[in-house]
C-alpha atoms as a PDB file:
ATOM      1  CA  UNK A   1      75.729  13.201 -34.114  1.00  0.00           C
ATOM      2  CA  UNK A   2      75.987   9.826 -32.399  1.00  0.00           C
ATOM      3  CA  UNK A   3      76.348   9.923 -28.648  1.00  0.00           C
ATOM      4  CA  UNK A   4      78.411   6.953 -27.561  1.00  0.00           C
ATOM      5  CA  UNK A   5      79.289   5.657 -24.108  1.00  0.00           C
ATOM      6  CA  UNK A   6      81.150   2.624 -25.430  1.00  0.00           C
ATOM      7  CA  UNK A   7      83.985   1.325 -23.245  1.00  0.00           C
ATOM      8  CA  UNK A   8      82.549   3.192 -20.248  1.00  0.00           C
ATOM      9  CA  UNK A   9      81.143   1.787 -17.032  1.00  0.00           C
ATOM     10  CA  UNK A  10      78.148   3.586 -15.533  1.00  0.00           C
ATOM     11  CA  UNK A  11      77.379   3.194 -11.826  1.00  0.00           C
ATOM     12  CA  UNK A  12      73.693   4.132 -11.574  1.00  0.00           C
ATOM     13  CA  UNK A  13      72.604   4.546  -7.961  1.00  0.00           C
ATOM     14  CA  UNK A  14      68.822   4.271  -7.781  1.00  0.00           C
ATOM     15  CA  UNK A  15      68.523   2.215 -10.965  1.00  0.00           C
ATOM     16  CA  UNK A  16      65.333   0.473  -9.920  1.00  0.00           C
ATOM     17  CA  UNK A  17      61.798   1.817 -10.060  1.00  0.00           C
ATOM     18  CA  UNK A  18      59.431   2.235  -7.102  1.00  0.00           C
ATOM     19  CA  UNK A  19      56.519   1.004  -9.201  1.00  0.00           C
ATOM     20  CA  UNK A  20      55.437  -0.074 -12.694  1.00  0.00           C
ATOM     21  CA  UNK A  21      56.708   2.135 -15.489  1.00  0.00           C
ATOM     22  CA  UNK A  22      59.843   4.113 -16.138  1.00  0.00           C
ATOM     23  CA  UNK A  23      61.373   6.090 -13.306  1.00  0.00           C
ATOM     24  CA  UNK A  24      64.367   8.357 -13.826  1.00  0.00           C
ATOM     25  CA  UNK A  25      66.906   5.786 -12.654  1.00  0.00           C
ATOM     26  CA  UNK A  26      65.532   2.819 -14.570  1.00  0.00           C
ATOM     27  CA  UNK A  27      65.264   4.820 -17.797  1.00  0.00           C
ATOM     28  CA  UNK A  28      68.746   6.294 -17.352  1.00  0.00           C
ATOM     29  CA  UNK A  29      70.351   2.893 -16.777  1.00  0.00           C
ATOM     30  CA  UNK A  30      68.706   1.484 -19.919  1.00  0.00           C
ATOM     31  CA  UNK A  31      69.554   4.584 -21.979  1.00  0.00           C
ATOM     32  CA  UNK A  32      73.216   4.407 -20.953  1.00  0.00           C
ATOM     33  CA  UNK A  33      73.346   0.735 -21.899  1.00  0.00           C
ATOM     34  CA  UNK A  34      71.784   1.547 -25.269  1.00  0.00           C
ATOM     35  CA  UNK A  35      74.562   4.120 -25.760  1.00  0.00           C
ATOM     36  CA  UNK A  36      77.114   1.360 -25.210  1.00  0.00           C
ATOM     37  CA  UNK A  37      78.000   1.596 -21.518  1.00  0.00           C
ATOM     38  CA  UNK A  38      78.363  -1.346 -19.198  1.00  0.00           C
ATOM     39  CA  UNK A  39      75.957  -0.618 -16.341  1.00  0.00           C
ATOM     40  CA  UNK A  40      76.040  -1.317 -12.628  1.00  0.00           C
ATOM     41  CA  UNK A  41      72.394  -1.073 -11.552  1.00  0.00           C
ATOM     42  CA  UNK A  42      72.420  -0.246  -7.843  1.00  0.00           C
ATOM     43  CA  UNK A  43      69.306  -0.100  -5.709  1.00  0.00           C
ATOM     44  CA  UNK A  44      68.233  -0.789  -2.136  1.00  0.00           C
ATOM     45  CA  UNK A  45      65.512  -2.986  -3.658  1.00  0.00           C
ATOM     46  CA  UNK A  46      67.470  -5.815  -5.256  1.00  0.00           C
ATOM     47  CA  UNK A  47      64.459  -7.080  -7.198  1.00  0.00           C
ATOM     48  CA  UNK A  48      64.070  -3.644  -8.808  1.00  0.00           C
ATOM     49  CA  UNK A  49      67.765  -3.579  -9.725  1.00  0.00           C
ATOM     50  CA  UNK A  50      67.452  -7.072 -11.194  1.00  0.00           C
ATOM     51  CA  UNK A  51      64.460  -5.982 -13.277  1.00  0.00           C
ATOM     52  CA  UNK A  52      66.506  -3.156 -14.797  1.00  0.00           C
ATOM     53  CA  UNK A  53      69.437  -5.490 -15.410  1.00  0.00           C
ATOM     54  CA  UNK A  54      67.136  -7.978 -17.100  1.00  0.00           C
ATOM     55  CA  UNK A  55      65.839  -5.315 -19.488  1.00  0.00           C
ATOM     56  CA  UNK A  56      69.375  -4.305 -20.420  1.00  0.00           C
ATOM     57  CA  UNK A  57      70.575  -7.861 -20.888  1.00  0.00           C
ATOM     58  CA  UNK A  58      67.519  -8.683 -23.029  1.00  0.00           C
ATOM     59  CA  UNK A  59      68.694  -5.977 -25.436  1.00  0.00           C
ATOM     60  CA  UNK A  60      72.217  -7.409 -25.527  1.00  0.00           C
ATOM     61  CA  UNK A  61      73.770  -4.999 -23.047  1.00  0.00           C
ATOM     62  CA  UNK A  62      76.003  -5.671 -20.058  1.00  0.00           C
ATOM     63  CA  UNK A  63      74.558  -4.999 -16.616  1.00  0.00           C
ATOM     64  CA  UNK A  64      75.286  -6.073 -13.070  1.00  0.00           C
ATOM     65  CA  UNK A  65      72.548  -5.707 -10.438  1.00  0.00           C
ATOM     66  CA  UNK A  66      73.817  -4.772  -6.985  1.00  0.00           C
ATOM     67  CA  UNK A  67      71.876  -4.290  -3.751  1.00  0.00           C
ATOM     68  CA  UNK A  68      73.100  -1.370  -1.642  1.00  0.00           C
ATOM     69  CA  UNK A  69      71.816   1.201   0.825  1.00  0.00           C
ATOM     70  CA  UNK A  70      73.038   4.523  -0.534  1.00  0.00           C
ATOM     71  CA  UNK A  71      72.786   6.127   2.915  1.00  0.00           C
ATOM     72  CA  UNK A  72      75.256   3.641   4.425  1.00  0.00           C
ATOM     73  CA  UNK A  73      78.955   4.204   3.757  1.00  0.00           C
ATOM     74  CA  UNK A  74      80.032   0.570   4.072  1.00  0.00           C
ATOM     75  CA  UNK A  75      77.234  -0.547   1.760  1.00  0.00           C
ATOM     76  CA  UNK A  76      78.208   1.997  -0.897  1.00  0.00           C
ATOM     77  CA  UNK A  77      81.887   1.091  -0.575  1.00  0.00           C
ATOM     78  CA  UNK A  78      81.042  -2.580  -1.071  1.00  0.00           C
ATOM     79  CA  UNK A  79      78.952  -1.820  -4.176  1.00  0.00           C
ATOM     80  CA  UNK A  80      81.811   0.210  -5.662  1.00  0.00           C
ATOM     81  CA  UNK A  81      84.243  -2.658  -5.106  1.00  0.00           C
ATOM     82  CA  UNK A  82      81.828  -5.135  -6.688  1.00  0.00           C
ATOM     83  CA  UNK A  83      81.589  -2.853  -9.723  1.00  0.00           C
ATOM     84  CA  UNK A  84      85.376  -2.600  -9.984  1.00  0.00           C
ATOM     85  CA  UNK A  85      85.796  -6.358  -9.633  1.00  0.00           C
ATOM     86  CA  UNK A  86      83.386  -6.909 -12.518  1.00  0.00           C
ATOM     87  CA  UNK A  87      84.218  -4.084 -14.919  1.00  0.00           C
ATOM     88  CA  UNK A  88      87.558  -2.651 -13.766  1.00  0.00           C
ATOM     89  CA  UNK A  89      86.541   1.012 -13.816  1.00  0.00           C
ATOM     90  CA  UNK A  90      83.770   3.456 -12.980  1.00  0.00           C
ATOM     91  CA  UNK A  91      83.620   6.179 -15.614  1.00  0.00           C
ATOM     92  CA  UNK A  92      80.131   7.512 -14.893  1.00  0.00           C
ATOM     93  CA  UNK A  93      78.419   7.989 -11.545  1.00  0.00           C
ATOM     94  CA  UNK A  94      74.712   8.719 -11.828  1.00  0.00           C
ATOM     95  CA  UNK A  95      72.965   9.575  -8.554  1.00  0.00           C
ATOM     96  CA  UNK A  96      69.203   9.130  -8.889  1.00  0.00           C
ATOM     97  CA  UNK A  97      68.220   8.141  -5.345  1.00  0.00           C
ATOM     98  CA  UNK A  98      65.467  10.341  -3.908  1.00  0.00           C
ATOM     99  CA  UNK A  99      62.313  10.478  -1.842  1.00  0.00           C
ATOM    100  CA  UNK A 100      59.761  12.925  -0.477  1.00  0.00           C
ATOM    101  CA  UNK A 101      57.940  13.080   2.841  1.00  0.00           C
ATOM    102  CA  UNK A 102      55.197  15.659   3.210  1.00  0.00           C
ATOM    103  CA  UNK A 103      55.331  18.135   6.058  1.00  0.00           C
ATOM    104  CA  UNK A 104      56.566  21.571   7.051  1.00  0.00           C
ATOM    105  CA  UNK A 105      58.764  22.281  10.073  1.00  0.00           C
ATOM    106  CA  UNK A 106      55.819  21.882  12.465  1.00  0.00           C
ATOM    107  CA  UNK A 107      54.368  18.661  11.069  1.00  0.00           C
ATOM    108  CA  UNK A 108      57.561  16.855  10.084  1.00  0.00           C
ATOM    109  CA  UNK A 109      59.277  14.713  12.696  1.00  0.00           C
ATOM    110  CA  UNK A 110      62.993  15.123  13.240  1.00  0.00           C
ATOM    111  CA  UNK A 111      63.443  11.532  12.098  1.00  0.00           C
ATOM    112  CA  UNK A 112      61.639  12.140   8.798  1.00  0.00           C
ATOM    113  CA  UNK A 113      63.562  15.397   8.259  1.00  0.00           C
ATOM    114  CA  UNK A 114      66.827  13.487   8.625  1.00  0.00           C
ATOM    115  CA  UNK A 115      65.620  10.579   6.490  1.00  0.00           C
ATOM    116  CA  UNK A 116      64.890  12.858   3.538  1.00  0.00           C
ATOM    117  CA  UNK A 117      68.251  14.608   3.867  1.00  0.00           C
ATOM    118  CA  UNK A 118      70.025  11.272   4.072  1.00  0.00           C
ATOM    119  CA  UNK A 119      68.322   9.762   1.024  1.00  0.00           C
ATOM    120  CA  UNK A 120      68.498  12.843  -1.210  1.00  0.00           C
ATOM    121  CA  UNK A 121      71.784  14.432  -0.126  1.00  0.00           C
ATOM    122  CA  UNK A 122      73.908  12.146   2.042  1.00  0.00           C
ATOM    123  CA  UNK A 123      73.586   9.409  -0.579  1.00  0.00           C
ATOM    124  CA  UNK A 124      75.290  11.587  -3.202  1.00  0.00           C
ATOM    125  CA  UNK A 125      78.003  12.554  -0.713  1.00  0.00           C
ATOM    126  CA  UNK A 126      78.699   8.881   0.007  1.00  0.00           C
ATOM    127  CA  UNK A 127      78.819   7.767  -3.617  1.00  0.00           C
ATOM    128  CA  UNK A 128      81.157  10.673  -4.394  1.00  0.00           C
ATOM    129  CA  UNK A 129      83.272   9.746  -1.371  1.00  0.00           C
ATOM    130  CA  UNK A 130      83.836   6.215  -2.635  1.00  0.00           C
ATOM    131  CA  UNK A 131      83.824   6.757  -6.426  1.00  0.00           C
ATOM    132  CA  UNK A 132      85.962   9.906  -6.625  1.00  0.00           C
ATOM    133  CA  UNK A 133      89.168   8.079  -5.597  1.00  0.00           C
ATOM    134  CA  UNK A 134      88.558   5.683  -8.506  1.00  0.00           C
ATOM    135  CA  UNK A 135      88.068   8.576 -10.924  1.00  0.00           C
ATOM    136  CA  UNK A 136      91.152  10.346  -9.595  1.00  0.00           C
ATOM    137  CA  UNK A 137      93.256   7.254 -10.304  1.00  0.00           C
ATOM    138  CA  UNK A 138      91.776   7.130 -13.798  1.00  0.00           C
ATOM    139  CA  UNK A 139      92.162  10.915 -14.270  1.00  0.00           C
ATOM    140  CA  UNK A 140      88.687  10.965 -15.781  1.00  0.00           C
ATOM    141  CA  UNK A 141      85.057  10.608 -14.789  1.00  0.00           C
ATOM    142  CA  UNK A 142      81.616  12.153 -14.932  1.00  0.00           C
ATOM    143  CA  UNK A 143      79.197  12.559 -12.030  1.00  0.00           C
ATOM    144  CA  UNK A 144      75.581  13.552 -12.612  1.00  0.00           C
ATOM    145  CA  UNK A 145      73.235  14.184  -9.708  1.00  0.00           C
ATOM    146  CA  UNK A 146      69.449  14.218  -9.970  1.00  0.00           C
ATOM    147  CA  UNK A 147      68.149  17.412  -8.401  1.00  0.00           C
ATOM    148  CA  UNK A 148      64.643  18.893  -8.714  1.00  0.00           C
ATOM    149  CA  UNK A 149      62.835  22.087  -9.608  1.00  0.00           C
ATOM    150  CA  UNK A 150      62.078  22.115  -5.868  1.00  0.00           C
ATOM    151  CA  UNK A 151      65.744  22.963  -5.292  1.00  0.00           C
ATOM    152  CA  UNK A 152      65.221  26.508  -6.567  1.00  0.00           C
ATOM    153  CA  UNK A 153      61.560  27.305  -5.904  1.00  0.00           C
ATOM    154  CA  UNK A 154      58.465  26.399  -3.971  1.00  0.00           C
ATOM    155  CA  UNK A 155      56.407  24.043  -6.141  1.00  0.00           C
ATOM    156  CA  UNK A 156      53.201  23.863  -4.139  1.00  0.00           C
ATOM    157  CA  UNK A 157      53.826  20.774  -2.025  1.00  0.00           C
ATOM    158  CA  UNK A 158      54.538  20.924   1.728  1.00  0.00           C
ATOM    159  CA  UNK A 159      57.798  18.991   1.735  1.00  0.00           C
ATOM    160  CA  UNK A 160      60.261  21.305   3.440  1.00  0.00           C
ATOM    161  CA  UNK A 161      62.952  18.669   3.863  1.00  0.00           C
ATOM    162  CA  UNK A 162      62.930  17.871   0.132  1.00  0.00           C
ATOM    163  CA  UNK A 163      63.410  21.540  -0.799  1.00  0.00           C
ATOM    164  CA  UNK A 164      66.369  21.777   1.571  1.00  0.00           C
ATOM    165  CA  UNK A 165      67.966  18.512   0.474  1.00  0.00           C
ATOM    166  CA  UNK A 166      67.778  19.231  -3.247  1.00  0.00           C
ATOM    167  CA  UNK A 167      69.099  22.768  -2.782  1.00  0.00           C
ATOM    168  CA  UNK A 168      72.042  21.251  -0.922  1.00  0.00           C
ATOM    169  CA  UNK A 169      72.565  18.791  -3.769  1.00  0.00           C
ATOM    170  CA  UNK A 170      72.916  21.665  -6.234  1.00  0.00           C
ATOM    171  CA  UNK A 171      75.651  23.221  -4.138  1.00  0.00           C
ATOM    172  CA  UNK A 172      77.382  19.862  -3.638  1.00  0.00           C
ATOM    173  CA  UNK A 173      77.367  19.456  -7.421  1.00  0.00           C
ATOM    174  CA  UNK A 174      79.103  22.756  -8.021  1.00  0.00           C
ATOM    175  CA  UNK A 175      81.592  22.262  -5.186  1.00  0.00           C
ATOM    176  CA  UNK A 176      82.670  18.871  -6.541  1.00  0.00           C
ATOM    177  CA  UNK A 177      82.809  20.226 -10.097  1.00  0.00           C
ATOM    178  CA  UNK A 178      85.210  23.013  -9.196  1.00  0.00           C
ATOM    179  CA  UNK A 179      87.364  21.025  -6.788  1.00  0.00           C
ATOM    180  CA  UNK A 180      88.077  18.272  -9.303  1.00  0.00           C
ATOM    181  CA  UNK A 181      87.875  20.080 -12.668  1.00  0.00           C
ATOM    182  CA  UNK A 182      91.654  20.066 -13.142  1.00  0.00           C
ATOM    183  CA  UNK A 183      91.781  16.288 -12.536  1.00  0.00           C
ATOM    184  CA  UNK A 184      89.612  15.440 -15.536  1.00  0.00           C
ATOM    185  CA  UNK A 185      86.412  14.939 -13.537  1.00  0.00           C
ATOM    186  CA  UNK A 186      83.154  16.675 -14.409  1.00  0.00           C
ATOM    187  CA  UNK A 187      80.125  17.011 -12.146  1.00  0.00           C
ATOM    188  CA  UNK A 188      76.702  18.282 -13.175  1.00  0.00           C
ATOM    189  CA  UNK A 189      73.087  17.906 -12.124  1.00  0.00           C
ATOM    190  CA  UNK A 190      69.869  17.434 -14.018  1.00  0.00           C
ATOM    191  CA  UNK A 191      66.908  19.295 -12.541  1.00  0.00           C
ATOM    192  CA  UNK A 192      63.601  17.596 -13.372  1.00  0.00           C
ATOM    193  CA  UNK A 193      60.522  19.755 -13.342  1.00  0.00           C
ATOM    194  CA  UNK A 194      57.006  18.342 -13.099  1.00  0.00           C
ATOM    195  CA  UNK A 195      57.461  14.746 -14.193  1.00  0.00           C
ATOM    196  CA  UNK A 196      55.225  11.733 -14.691  1.00  0.00           C
ATOM    197  CA  UNK A 197      57.103   8.855 -13.094  1.00  0.00           C
ATOM    198  CA  UNK A 198      56.099   6.023 -10.733  1.00  0.00           C
ATOM    199  CA  UNK A 199      57.317   8.140  -7.802  1.00  0.00           C
ATOM    200  CA  UNK A 200      54.489  10.669  -8.091  1.00  0.00           C
ATOM    201  CA  UNK A 201      51.857   7.942  -7.979  1.00  0.00           C
ATOM    202  CA  UNK A 202      53.424   6.545  -4.824  1.00  0.00           C
ATOM    203  CA  UNK A 203      54.332   9.730  -2.939  1.00  0.00           C
ATOM    204  CA  UNK A 204      52.391  12.721  -4.321  1.00  0.00           C
ATOM    205  CA  UNK A 205      48.982  11.470  -5.487  1.00  0.00           C
ATOM    206  CA  UNK A 206      47.525  11.748  -1.955  1.00  0.00           C
ATOM    207  CA  UNK A 207      47.691  15.537  -2.325  1.00  0.00           C
ATOM    208  CA  UNK A 208      44.882  15.327  -4.927  1.00  0.00           C
ATOM    209  CA  UNK A 209      41.307  14.076  -5.049  1.00  0.00           C
ATOM    210  CA  UNK A 210      42.303  11.364  -7.527  1.00  0.00           C
ATOM    211  CA  UNK A 211      45.212  10.313  -9.700  1.00  0.00           C
ATOM    212  CA  UNK A 212      43.355  11.664 -12.727  1.00  0.00           C
ATOM    213  CA  UNK A 213      43.108  15.053 -11.001  1.00  0.00           C
ATOM    214  CA  UNK A 214      46.825  14.903 -10.256  1.00  0.00           C
ATOM    215  CA  UNK A 215      47.707  14.236 -13.884  1.00  0.00           C
ATOM    216  CA  UNK A 216      45.484  17.061 -15.142  1.00  0.00           C
ATOM    217  CA  UNK A 217      46.794  19.555 -12.604  1.00  0.00           C
ATOM    218  CA  UNK A 218      50.443  18.698 -13.172  1.00  0.00           C
ATOM    219  CA  UNK A 219      50.089  18.720 -16.958  1.00  0.00           C
ATOM    220  CA  UNK A 220      48.445  22.153 -16.764  1.00  0.00           C
ATOM    221  CA  UNK A 221      51.384  23.638 -14.853  1.00  0.00           C
ATOM    222  CA  UNK A 222      53.815  22.823 -17.670  1.00  0.00           C
ATOM    223  CA  UNK A 223      54.297  25.355 -20.516  1.00  0.00           C
ATOM    224  CA  UNK A 224      54.306  22.441 -22.960  1.00  0.00           C
ATOM    225  CA  UNK A 225      50.985  21.223 -21.580  1.00  0.00           C
ATOM    226  CA  UNK A 226      52.349  17.896 -20.385  1.00  0.00           C
ATOM    227  CA  UNK A 227      54.678  16.495 -17.787  1.00  0.00           C
ATOM    228  CA  UNK A 228      58.066  15.115 -18.679  1.00  0.00           C
ATOM    229  CA  UNK A 229      59.047  11.464 -18.316  1.00  0.00           C
ATOM    230  CA  UNK A 230      61.960   9.444 -17.045  1.00  0.00           C
ATOM    231  CA  UNK A 231      63.260   9.271 -20.612  1.00  0.00           C
ATOM    232  CA  UNK A 232      63.686  13.050 -20.710  1.00  0.00           C
ATOM    233  CA  UNK A 233      65.981  12.791 -17.687  1.00  0.00           C
ATOM    234  CA  UNK A 234      67.719   9.759 -19.165  1.00  0.00           C
ATOM    235  CA  UNK A 235      68.491  11.459 -22.477  1.00  0.00           C
ATOM    236  CA  UNK A 236      69.883  14.557 -20.774  1.00  0.00           C
ATOM    237  CA  UNK A 237      72.005  12.372 -18.496  1.00  0.00           C
ATOM    238  CA  UNK A 238      73.448  10.367 -21.383  1.00  0.00           C
ATOM    239  CA  UNK A 239      74.460  13.605 -23.090  1.00  0.00           C
ATOM    240  CA  UNK A 240      76.106  14.989 -19.952  1.00  0.00           C
ATOM    241  CA  UNK A 241      78.033  11.734 -19.511  1.00  0.00           C
ATOM    242  CA  UNK A 242      79.301  11.777 -23.089  1.00  0.00           C
ATOM    243  CA  UNK A 243      82.338  13.369 -24.721  1.00  0.00           C
ATOM    244  CA  UNK A 244      79.982  15.763 -26.505  1.00  0.00           C
ATOM    245  CA  UNK A 245      79.581  17.460 -23.094  1.00  0.00           C
ATOM    246  CA  UNK A 246      83.309  17.409 -22.278  1.00  0.00           C
ATOM    247  CA  UNK A 247      83.438  21.173 -21.549  1.00  0.00           C
ATOM    248  CA  UNK A 248      80.316  21.221 -19.374  1.00  0.00           C
ATOM    249  CA  UNK A 249      80.784  21.052 -15.611  1.00  0.00           C
ATOM    250  CA  UNK A 250      79.164  22.648 -12.577  1.00  0.00           C
ATOM    251  CA  UNK A 251      75.855  23.000 -14.425  1.00  0.00           C
ATOM    252  CA  UNK A 252      72.414  22.381 -12.919  1.00  0.00           C
ATOM    253  CA  UNK A 253      70.457  21.676 -16.101  1.00  0.00           C
ATOM    254  CA  UNK A 254      66.688  22.231 -16.034  1.00  0.00           C
ATOM    255  CA  UNK A 255      64.812  19.431 -17.779  1.00  0.00           C
ATOM    256  CA  UNK A 256      61.394  20.887 -17.208  1.00  0.00           C
ATOM    257  CA  UNK A 257      59.687  21.939 -20.438  1.00  0.00           C
ATOM    258  CA  UNK A 258      60.336  25.592 -19.601  1.00  0.00           C
ATOM    259  CA  UNK A 259      58.586  25.717 -16.249  1.00  0.00           C
ATOM    260  CA  UNK A 260      61.574  27.236 -14.434  1.00  0.00           C
ATOM    261  CA  UNK A 261      61.476  30.204 -16.816  1.00  0.00           C
ATOM    262  CA  UNK A 262      58.145  31.488 -15.555  1.00  0.00           C
ATOM    263  CA  UNK A 263      56.233  32.141 -12.348  1.00  0.00           C
ATOM    264  CA  UNK A 264      54.083  29.179 -11.359  1.00  0.00           C
END
């Protein structure tokens, strides 16, 4: 079964990577291009978006790099218009923007609490706000949000704001799915488990004695004995965006090697 996204435009918000390697957004943008989509690679870090675009173009795909702050409504609106000016439609909205800041209610500042909610949750609200009217005019569209295992359980890290934001993202996903189901728009979420992406080396490694200890500990938590990668998220996202998933909406899909099925 060939999964094709030909003649579709994918707006990937968070398409850059925070460090060397393949993050969820970078892998998803490339995977969608490989499936035939024209890609709008959106990131607050323009150089990171350009890197992703360069990889896609080197393989013969079509990609436009756009700088935007996903927590700013005017910035998102501008990015959407740039995408429409270039490609004429937005058929797929992939929300991959996310961050963590360690701290429970006592340690976390109010500013950091709000920052995490804005980046993980408000960003998806804003992209939906500006892309949904486009999809309504088209009478078709697919939105996929990137949630986390942390949205449904405590995973051992003290990042209260991240738990709250990702749980909210799950509910936003289902609310959008049901409100717009009759208009030909689907909305789902992928829920990564314990993953090995550049983000963990930047934001989580300080919780361990060394990066090697982090890798061993995180691999050991997974029933499969290894963490997932950005490509696991990318492949699930391409499927959800495709016509093969045309009757799937309102789903929060674990991509976690089985970890959500057992007690940690």
